[in-house]
Amino acid sequence: MRLRTTLAAVTGALALLAAVPTSASAADGTFLYAYSGLDGHPQVASLENPASRECITLPEVANPSSSSPARYGYNDTGSTAVVFENPDCTGTATALEPDTGGGEHTTFRSVTFS
């Protein structure tokens, strides 16, 4: 009888662990950046809990022939953000540690998180 009760408890605990979502594949927090809108006015966008270890090309600035790059990135996540001057995480890279930002001279079109 004890073995059956123990087995049921272990099975229940494993089922609970399997059902609990984890954030291991996301950088918890927000990444903010500024860009020029189609009307030329400054806009602000954000990535909420962005995926880790995946290149994210920012849609507002993805096309170098029709948009200016993003600037003023602020990394309010728990992971290091690496911003790239070109789409698809190519070109010059700049690391932004958690809770830090890049100034006006840090321009970028894509980002990845550790």
N, C-alpha and C. Protein backbone atom coordinates (compact mmCIF):
# COMPACT_ATOMS: atom_id res chain seq x y z
N MET A 1 0.82 -1.18 0.00
CA MET A 1 0.00 0.00 0.00
C MET A 1 0.87 1.26 0.00
N ARG A 2 1.96 1.28 0.80
CA ARG A 2 2.84 2.45 0.83
C ARG A 2 3.49 2.69 -0.52
N LEU A 3 3.90 1.64 -1.20
CA LEU A 3 4.53 1.78 -2.50
C LEU A 3 3.57 2.42 -3.49
N ARG A 4 2.32 2.01 -3.45
CA ARG A 4 1.31 2.56 -4.35
C ARG A 4 1.09 4.06 -4.05
N THR A 5 1.04 4.44 -2.80
CA THR A 5 0.85 5.84 -2.41
C THR A 5 2.07 6.67 -2.83
N THR A 6 3.26 6.16 -2.61
CA THR A 6 4.48 6.86 -3.01
C THR A 6 4.54 7.03 -4.52
N LEU A 7 4.21 5.97 -5.25
CA LEU A 7 4.21 6.04 -6.71
C LEU A 7 3.20 7.06 -7.21
N ALA A 8 2.04 7.12 -6.59
CA ALA A 8 1.02 8.10 -6.98
C ALA A 8 1.50 9.52 -6.71
N ALA A 9 2.17 9.73 -5.58
CA ALA A 9 2.68 11.06 -5.25
C ALA A 9 3.76 11.51 -6.23
N VAL A 10 4.67 10.60 -6.56
CA VAL A 10 5.74 10.93 -7.51
C VAL A 10 5.15 11.22 -8.88
N THR A 11 4.20 10.41 -9.32
CA THR A 11 3.56 10.62 -10.62
C THR A 11 2.85 11.97 -10.65
N GLY A 12 2.17 12.31 -9.58
CA GLY A 12 1.48 13.61 -9.51
C GLY A 12 2.45 14.77 -9.55
N ALA A 13 3.58 14.65 -8.84
CA ALA A 13 4.58 15.72 -8.85
C ALA A 13 5.19 15.90 -10.23
N LEU A 14 5.48 14.80 -10.91
CA LEU A 14 6.02 14.89 -12.27
C LEU A 14 5.02 15.52 -13.23
N ALA A 15 3.75 15.20 -13.06
CA ALA A 15 2.72 15.79 -13.92
C ALA A 15 2.64 17.30 -13.70
N LEU A 16 2.76 17.74 -12.46
CA LEU A 16 2.73 19.18 -12.17
C LEU A 16 3.94 19.88 -12.77
N LEU A 17 5.12 19.29 -12.67
CA LEU A 17 6.32 19.89 -13.24
C LEU A 17 6.21 20.00 -14.75
N ALA A 18 5.63 19.03 -15.39
CA ALA A 18 5.48 19.06 -16.85
C ALA A 18 4.48 20.11 -17.28
N ALA A 19 3.51 20.43 -16.43
CA ALA A 19 2.47 21.38 -16.80
C ALA A 19 2.84 22.83 -16.54
N VAL A 20 3.86 23.09 -15.73
CA VAL A 20 4.25 24.45 -15.40
C VAL A 20 5.10 25.03 -16.52
N PRO A 21 4.66 26.15 -17.13
CA PRO A 21 5.46 26.75 -18.20
C PRO A 21 6.74 27.37 -17.64
N THR A 22 7.78 27.35 -18.44
CA THR A 22 9.04 27.95 -18.02
C THR A 22 9.39 29.08 -18.96
N SER A 23 10.26 29.96 -18.51
CA SER A 23 10.70 31.07 -19.34
C SER A 23 12.15 30.89 -19.76
N ALA A 24 12.60 29.66 -19.82
CA ALA A 24 13.99 29.42 -20.16
C ALA A 24 14.34 29.88 -21.56
N SER A 25 13.36 30.00 -22.43
CA SER A 25 13.64 30.40 -23.80
C SER A 25 13.29 31.86 -24.06
N ALA A 26 13.14 32.64 -23.01
CA ALA A 26 12.81 34.05 -23.20
C ALA A 26 13.66 34.92 -22.28
N ALA A 27 13.96 36.10 -22.77
CA ALA A 27 14.62 37.12 -21.94
C ALA A 27 13.51 37.86 -21.22
N ASP A 28 13.37 37.64 -19.94
CA ASP A 28 12.28 38.24 -19.18
C ASP A 28 12.44 39.74 -19.08
N GLY A 29 11.43 40.46 -19.50
CA GLY A 29 11.45 41.91 -19.42
C GLY A 29 11.13 42.55 -20.75
N THR A 30 11.51 43.82 -20.87
CA THR A 30 11.17 44.61 -22.05
C THR A 30 12.42 45.22 -22.66
N PHE A 31 12.47 45.21 -23.97
CA PHE A 31 13.51 45.90 -24.72
C PHE A 31 12.83 47.03 -25.47
N LEU A 32 13.24 48.26 -25.21
CA LEU A 32 12.65 49.44 -25.83
C LEU A 32 13.59 50.04 -26.87
N TYR A 33 13.02 50.61 -27.92
CA TYR A 33 13.84 51.29 -28.92
C TYR A 33 13.02 52.37 -29.61
N ALA A 34 13.72 53.37 -30.12
CA ALA A 34 13.09 54.48 -30.84
C ALA A 34 13.43 54.35 -32.32
N TYR A 35 12.52 54.85 -33.15
CA TYR A 35 12.72 54.86 -34.60
C TYR A 35 11.89 56.00 -35.18
N SER A 36 12.15 56.35 -36.42
CA SER A 36 11.37 57.39 -37.08
C SER A 36 10.21 56.74 -37.82
N GLY A 37 9.01 57.22 -37.55
CA GLY A 37 7.82 56.69 -38.22
C GLY A 37 7.77 57.14 -39.68
N LEU A 38 6.79 56.64 -40.41
CA LEU A 38 6.63 57.00 -41.82
C LEU A 38 6.44 58.49 -42.01
N ASP A 39 5.87 59.17 -41.00
CA ASP A 39 5.67 60.61 -41.07
C ASP A 39 6.89 61.40 -40.60
N GLY A 40 7.97 60.67 -40.23
CA GLY A 40 9.19 61.33 -39.78
C GLY A 40 9.23 61.63 -38.30
N HIS A 41 8.12 61.42 -37.60
CA HIS A 41 8.07 61.69 -36.16
C HIS A 41 8.65 60.51 -35.38
N PRO A 42 9.28 60.81 -34.24
CA PRO A 42 9.84 59.73 -33.41
C PRO A 42 8.74 58.81 -32.88
N GLN A 43 9.04 57.54 -32.89
CA GLN A 43 8.13 56.52 -32.37
C GLN A 43 8.92 55.65 -31.39
N VAL A 44 8.23 54.99 -30.49
CA VAL A 44 8.85 54.06 -29.56
C VAL A 44 8.16 52.71 -29.70
N ALA A 45 8.94 51.65 -29.74
CA ALA A 45 8.40 50.29 -29.81
C ALA A 45 9.09 49.45 -28.75
N SER A 46 8.54 48.28 -28.50
CA SER A 46 9.13 47.40 -27.50
C SER A 46 8.99 45.94 -27.89
N LEU A 47 9.87 45.14 -27.34
CA LEU A 47 9.79 43.69 -27.42
C LEU A 47 9.56 43.20 -26.00
N GLU A 48 8.47 42.49 -25.78
CA GLU A 48 8.14 41.98 -24.45
C GLU A 48 8.59 40.52 -24.35
N ASN A 49 9.40 40.21 -23.34
CA ASN A 49 9.90 38.86 -23.12
C ASN A 49 10.38 38.22 -24.43
N PRO A 50 11.34 38.87 -25.11
CA PRO A 50 11.79 38.36 -26.41
C PRO A 50 12.48 37.00 -26.30
N ALA A 51 12.38 36.24 -27.36
CA ALA A 51 13.00 34.91 -27.41
C ALA A 51 14.51 35.03 -27.25
N SER A 52 15.09 34.08 -26.55
CA SER A 52 16.54 34.05 -26.38
C SER A 52 17.19 33.30 -27.53
N ARG A 53 18.41 33.72 -27.85
CA ARG A 53 19.24 33.07 -28.85
C ARG A 53 18.56 32.97 -30.23
N GLU A 54 17.71 33.94 -30.55
CA GLU A 54 17.10 34.03 -31.87
C GLU A 54 17.30 35.44 -32.38
N CYS A 55 17.63 35.56 -33.65
CA CYS A 55 17.78 36.88 -34.24
C CYS A 55 16.40 37.48 -34.48
N ILE A 56 16.21 38.71 -34.02
CA ILE A 56 14.94 39.42 -34.23
C ILE A 56 15.25 40.65 -35.06
N THR A 57 14.78 40.66 -36.31
CA THR A 57 14.88 41.86 -37.14
C THR A 57 13.68 42.73 -36.80
N LEU A 58 13.94 43.96 -36.41
CA LEU A 58 12.87 44.87 -35.99
C LEU A 58 12.05 45.28 -37.20
N PRO A 59 10.75 44.98 -37.21
CA PRO A 59 9.94 45.20 -38.41
C PRO A 59 9.86 46.66 -38.86
N GLU A 60 9.89 47.59 -37.93
CA GLU A 60 9.75 49.01 -38.27
C GLU A 60 10.96 49.55 -39.03
N VAL A 61 12.10 48.88 -38.90
CA VAL A 61 13.34 49.38 -39.51
C VAL A 61 14.04 48.30 -40.33
N ALA A 62 13.32 47.30 -40.75
CA ALA A 62 13.91 46.14 -41.41
C ALA A 62 14.50 46.45 -42.78
N ASN A 63 13.93 47.41 -43.50
CA ASN A 63 14.36 47.69 -44.86
C ASN A 63 15.27 48.92 -44.92
N PRO A 64 16.56 48.71 -45.12
CA PRO A 64 17.50 49.85 -45.13
C PRO A 64 17.22 50.87 -46.23
N SER A 65 16.57 50.47 -47.31
CA SER A 65 16.31 51.41 -48.40
C SER A 65 15.07 52.28 -48.15
N SER A 66 14.26 51.95 -47.13
CA SER A 66 13.06 52.75 -46.90
C SER A 66 12.87 53.21 -45.46
N SER A 67 13.85 52.95 -44.59
CA SER A 67 13.72 53.39 -43.19
C SER A 67 15.08 53.69 -42.59
N SER A 68 15.06 54.55 -41.61
CA SER A 68 16.27 54.82 -40.82
C SER A 68 16.38 53.73 -39.76
N PRO A 69 17.58 53.46 -39.28
CA PRO A 69 17.72 52.43 -38.23
C PRO A 69 17.13 52.89 -36.91
N ALA A 70 16.88 51.94 -36.03
CA ALA A 70 16.43 52.24 -34.66
C ALA A 70 17.61 52.83 -33.89
N ARG A 71 17.29 53.50 -32.78
CA ARG A 71 18.31 54.08 -31.93
C ARG A 71 17.78 54.15 -30.50
N TYR A 72 18.61 54.54 -29.60
CA TYR A 72 18.24 54.66 -28.18
C TYR A 72 17.68 53.35 -27.61
N GLY A 73 18.27 52.23 -27.92
CA GLY A 73 17.79 50.97 -27.34
C GLY A 73 18.00 50.97 -25.83
N TYR A 74 17.02 50.46 -25.11
CA TYR A 74 17.15 50.29 -23.66
C TYR A 74 16.80 48.85 -23.31
N ASN A 75 17.73 48.15 -22.71
CA ASN A 75 17.56 46.74 -22.38
C ASN A 75 17.10 46.59 -20.93
N ASP A 76 15.80 46.43 -20.75
CA ASP A 76 15.23 46.21 -19.42
C ASP A 76 14.85 44.74 -19.26
N THR A 77 15.72 43.85 -19.76
CA THR A 77 15.53 42.42 -19.59
C THR A 77 16.64 41.90 -18.67
N GLY A 78 16.55 40.65 -18.32
CA GLY A 78 17.59 40.04 -17.49
C GLY A 78 18.72 39.43 -18.30
N SER A 79 18.70 39.62 -19.61
CA SER A 79 19.71 39.05 -20.50
C SER A 79 20.47 40.14 -21.22
N THR A 80 21.66 39.81 -21.70
CA THR A 80 22.41 40.74 -22.53
C THR A 80 21.76 40.81 -23.90
N ALA A 81 21.53 42.02 -24.39
CA ALA A 81 21.01 42.22 -25.75
C ALA A 81 22.19 42.63 -26.63
N VAL A 82 22.28 42.03 -27.80
CA VAL A 82 23.30 42.43 -28.76
C VAL A 82 22.56 42.99 -29.96
N VAL A 83 22.76 44.30 -30.22
CA VAL A 83 22.10 44.95 -31.35
C VAL A 83 23.06 44.98 -32.54
N PHE A 84 22.50 44.86 -33.74
CA PHE A 84 23.29 44.80 -34.97
C PHE A 84 22.87 45.92 -35.91
N GLU A 85 23.83 46.47 -36.63
CA GLU A 85 23.54 47.60 -37.52
C GLU A 85 22.67 47.21 -38.71
N ASN A 86 22.63 45.94 -39.08
CA ASN A 86 21.88 45.49 -40.25
C ASN A 86 20.80 44.48 -39.87
N PRO A 87 19.84 44.22 -40.76
CA PRO A 87 18.87 43.15 -40.53
C PRO A 87 19.58 41.80 -40.42
N ASP A 88 18.89 40.81 -39.91
CA ASP A 88 19.39 39.43 -39.82
C ASP A 88 20.65 39.30 -38.98
N CYS A 89 20.81 40.18 -38.00
CA CYS A 89 21.94 40.13 -37.06
C CYS A 89 23.28 40.09 -37.77
N THR A 90 23.44 41.02 -38.70
CA THR A 90 24.70 41.16 -39.42
C THR A 90 25.23 42.58 -39.22
N GLY A 91 26.50 42.75 -39.52
CA GLY A 91 27.12 44.07 -39.38
C GLY A 91 27.68 44.26 -37.99
N THR A 92 28.03 45.49 -37.69
CA THR A 92 28.62 45.83 -36.40
C THR A 92 27.65 45.52 -35.27
N ALA A 93 28.18 44.89 -34.22
CA ALA A 93 27.38 44.50 -33.07
C ALA A 93 27.77 45.32 -31.85
N THR A 94 26.77 45.65 -31.03
CA THR A 94 26.99 46.37 -29.78
C THR A 94 26.21 45.65 -28.68
N ALA A 95 26.88 45.30 -27.59
CA ALA A 95 26.22 44.61 -26.48
C ALA A 95 25.62 45.63 -25.52
N LEU A 96 24.40 45.36 -25.10
CA LEU A 96 23.73 46.17 -24.07
C LEU A 96 23.43 45.24 -22.90
N GLU A 97 24.14 45.45 -21.82
CA GLU A 97 23.93 44.63 -20.63
C GLU A 97 22.53 44.90 -20.07
N PRO A 98 22.02 44.01 -19.20
CA PRO A 98 20.72 44.26 -18.58
C PRO A 98 20.67 45.62 -17.89
N ASP A 99 19.55 46.28 -18.01
CA ASP A 99 19.29 47.59 -17.39
C ASP A 99 20.23 48.69 -17.88
N THR A 100 20.63 48.61 -19.16
CA THR A 100 21.44 49.67 -19.75
C THR A 100 20.87 50.02 -21.12
N GLY A 101 21.33 51.13 -21.64
CA GLY A 101 20.86 51.56 -22.95
C GLY A 101 21.99 52.07 -23.82
N GLY A 102 21.68 52.17 -25.09
CA GLY A 102 22.62 52.72 -26.05
C GLY A 102 22.17 54.13 -26.41
N GLY A 103 23.08 54.99 -26.67
CA GLY A 103 22.75 56.38 -27.00
C GLY A 103 22.34 56.55 -28.44
N GLU A 104 22.25 57.80 -28.83
CA GLU A 104 21.82 58.15 -30.19
C GLU A 104 22.75 57.57 -31.24
N HIS A 105 24.01 57.41 -30.90
CA HIS A 105 24.98 56.93 -31.88
C HIS A 105 24.95 55.41 -32.05
N THR A 106 24.20 54.72 -31.21
CA THR A 106 24.02 53.27 -31.36
C THR A 106 22.78 53.05 -32.22
N THR A 107 23.00 52.75 -33.47
CA THR A 107 21.89 52.51 -34.39
C THR A 107 21.87 51.03 -34.76
N PHE A 108 20.67 50.49 -34.98
CA PHE A 108 20.55 49.06 -35.20
C PHE A 108 19.24 48.72 -35.91
N ARG A 109 19.23 47.52 -36.51
CA ARG A 109 18.05 47.01 -37.21
C ARG A 109 17.64 45.62 -36.73
N SER A 110 18.48 44.98 -35.93
CA SER A 110 18.16 43.66 -35.41
C SER A 110 18.82 43.47 -34.05
N VAL A 111 18.34 42.45 -33.32
CA VAL A 111 18.82 42.22 -31.96
C VAL A 111 18.70 40.74 -31.62
N THR A 112 19.57 40.29 -30.76
CA THR A 112 19.47 38.94 -30.20
C THR A 112 19.74 39.03 -28.70
N PHE A 113 19.21 38.07 -27.95
CA PHE A 113 19.34 38.07 -26.50
C PHE A 113 20.02 36.78 -26.05
N SER A 114 20.87 36.89 -25.02
CA SER A 114 21.58 35.70 -24.53
C SER A 114 20.68 34.88 -23.64
